Amino acid sequence: MATNPTLPYRILGPSTELADNCVNPYYLEGLKHRVAVARIAGKLFAFDDLFRECPLSAGLLTGTTIMSQGDGSQFDVASGAVLRGPATARLATYEVREANGQIEVRI
């Protein structure tokens, strides 16, 4: 997980909009960056949403594994590790939390 305590948390949206075992995409306008957040068994995981121009947030989530619709690559959203190729580079992950009813990410 990319952790830099000097970076601020950025508010993504209300935590009530992300159900358990689901993934939501978010666009950080100021950074021109897409990030996805998954809630799995009540825990949040944030990671880059785009993989080869295909949104991972639209992929199949099974436990902590998400599969790309584009090429079938599978990633562990907790660690970013490639579980099955053809992808070879790990997925960037980010520190994420719930605070004051909002989902916040440090990126």
Protein backbone atom coordinates (compact mmCIF):
# COMPACT_ATOMS: atom_id res chain seq x y z
CA MET A 1 0.00 0.00 0.00
CA ALA A 2 1.31 3.44 -0.88
CA THR A 3 1.47 5.31 2.41
CA ASN A 4 2.72 8.86 2.72
CA PRO A 5 1.59 10.51 5.96
CA THR A 6 2.37 13.95 4.54
CA LEU A 7 -0.36 13.62 1.92
CA PRO A 8 -3.85 14.76 2.92
CA TYR A 9 -6.90 12.53 2.84
CA ARG A 10 -9.29 13.38 0.03
CA ILE A 11 -13.04 12.91 0.43
CA LEU A 12 -14.52 10.57 -2.16
CA GLY A 13 -18.15 10.43 -1.07
CA PRO A 14 -20.65 9.22 1.54
CA SER A 15 -19.77 5.85 3.06
CA THR A 16 -23.43 4.80 2.85
CA GLU A 17 -23.09 4.64 -0.96
CA LEU A 18 -20.70 1.68 -0.80
CA ALA A 19 -22.35 -1.60 0.17
CA ASP A 20 -20.46 -4.61 1.51
CA ASN A 21 -18.82 -6.81 -1.17
CA CYS A 22 -19.11 -4.03 -3.76
CA VAL A 23 -16.73 -1.70 -5.61
CA ASN A 24 -17.35 1.96 -6.46
CA PRO A 25 -15.30 4.13 -8.84
CA TYR A 26 -14.34 7.70 -7.96
CA TYR A 27 -12.68 10.43 -10.01
CA LEU A 28 -10.30 12.83 -8.29
CA GLU A 29 -10.74 15.91 -10.46
CA GLY A 30 -7.77 17.82 -9.07
CA LEU A 31 -5.43 14.89 -9.75
CA LYS A 32 -7.16 13.69 -12.94
CA HIS A 33 -7.01 10.22 -11.43
CA ARG A 34 -9.51 7.36 -11.08
CA VAL A 35 -9.53 5.30 -7.92
CA ALA A 36 -11.81 2.43 -6.89
CA VAL A 37 -12.83 1.50 -3.37
CA ALA A 38 -14.08 -1.95 -2.37
CA ARG A 39 -15.81 -2.81 0.89
CA ILE A 40 -15.17 -6.44 1.80
CA ALA A 41 -16.47 -7.85 5.09
CA GLY A 42 -16.75 -4.28 6.36
CA LYS A 43 -13.16 -3.33 5.50
CA LEU A 44 -12.22 -0.76 2.84
CA PHE A 45 -9.59 -1.19 0.12
CA ALA A 46 -8.57 1.53 -2.37
CA PHE A 47 -6.71 0.91 -5.63
CA ASP A 48 -6.21 2.35 -9.12
CA ASP A 49 -9.42 1.91 -11.08
CA LEU A 50 -8.04 1.82 -14.60
CA PHE A 51 -6.08 -1.16 -15.88
CA ARG A 52 -5.22 -1.00 -19.58
CA GLU A 53 -7.96 1.62 -20.05
CA CYS A 54 -10.61 -0.71 -18.58
CA PRO A 55 -12.24 0.17 -15.22
CA LEU A 56 -11.53 -2.50 -12.61
CA SER A 57 -14.54 -1.22 -10.67
CA ALA A 58 -16.68 -2.92 -13.34
CA GLY A 59 -14.81 -6.22 -12.93
CA LEU A 60 -15.81 -9.30 -10.99
CA LEU A 61 -15.07 -9.05 -7.24
CA THR A 62 -14.74 -12.34 -5.35
CA GLY A 63 -13.44 -11.93 -1.83
CA THR A 64 -10.38 -9.68 -2.16
CA THR A 65 -9.78 -10.73 -5.79
CA ILE A 66 -10.90 -8.48 -8.63
CA MET A 67 -10.80 -9.59 -12.25
CA SER A 68 -10.37 -7.22 -15.18
CA GLN A 69 -13.10 -7.39 -17.81
CA GLY A 70 -10.52 -6.45 -20.41
CA ASP A 71 -8.05 -9.33 -20.28
CA GLY A 72 -9.01 -11.49 -17.30
CA SER A 73 -6.05 -10.41 -15.15
CA GLN A 74 -6.72 -10.87 -11.44
CA PHE A 75 -5.44 -8.72 -8.57
CA ASP A 76 -5.60 -8.87 -4.79
CA VAL A 77 -7.17 -5.52 -3.82
CA ALA A 78 -5.63 -5.73 -0.33
CA SER A 79 -2.02 -5.93 -1.51
CA GLY A 80 -2.16 -5.07 -5.21
CA ALA A 81 -0.46 -8.37 -6.08
CA VAL A 82 -1.08 -9.94 -9.49
CA LEU A 83 -2.82 -13.25 -8.88
CA ARG A 84 -3.22 -14.21 -12.54
CA GLY A 85 -1.88 -12.60 -15.72
CA PRO A 86 -1.42 -11.53 -18.35
CA ALA A 87 -0.78 -8.51 -16.07
CA THR A 88 2.76 -8.44 -14.70
CA ALA A 89 2.81 -5.20 -12.66
CA ARG A 90 1.11 -4.96 -9.30
CA LEU A 91 -1.88 -2.70 -8.79
CA ALA A 92 -1.30 0.56 -6.89
CA THR A 93 -3.18 0.55 -3.58
CA TYR A 94 -3.90 3.46 -1.25
CA GLU A 95 -4.66 4.15 2.38
CA VAL A 96 -8.42 4.53 2.83
CA ARG A 97 -10.69 5.20 5.80
CA GLU A 98 -14.19 6.14 6.88
CA ALA A 99 -14.46 9.41 8.78
CA ASN A 100 -17.53 11.47 9.61
CA GLY A 101 -19.70 9.36 7.30
CA GLN A 102 -17.36 9.84 4.33
CA ILE A 103 -14.91 7.61 2.48
CA GLU A 104 -11.50 9.25 2.35
CA VAL A 105 -8.37 8.21 0.48
CA ARG A 106 -4.76 9.29 0.85
CA ILE A 107 -3.28 9.59 -2.63
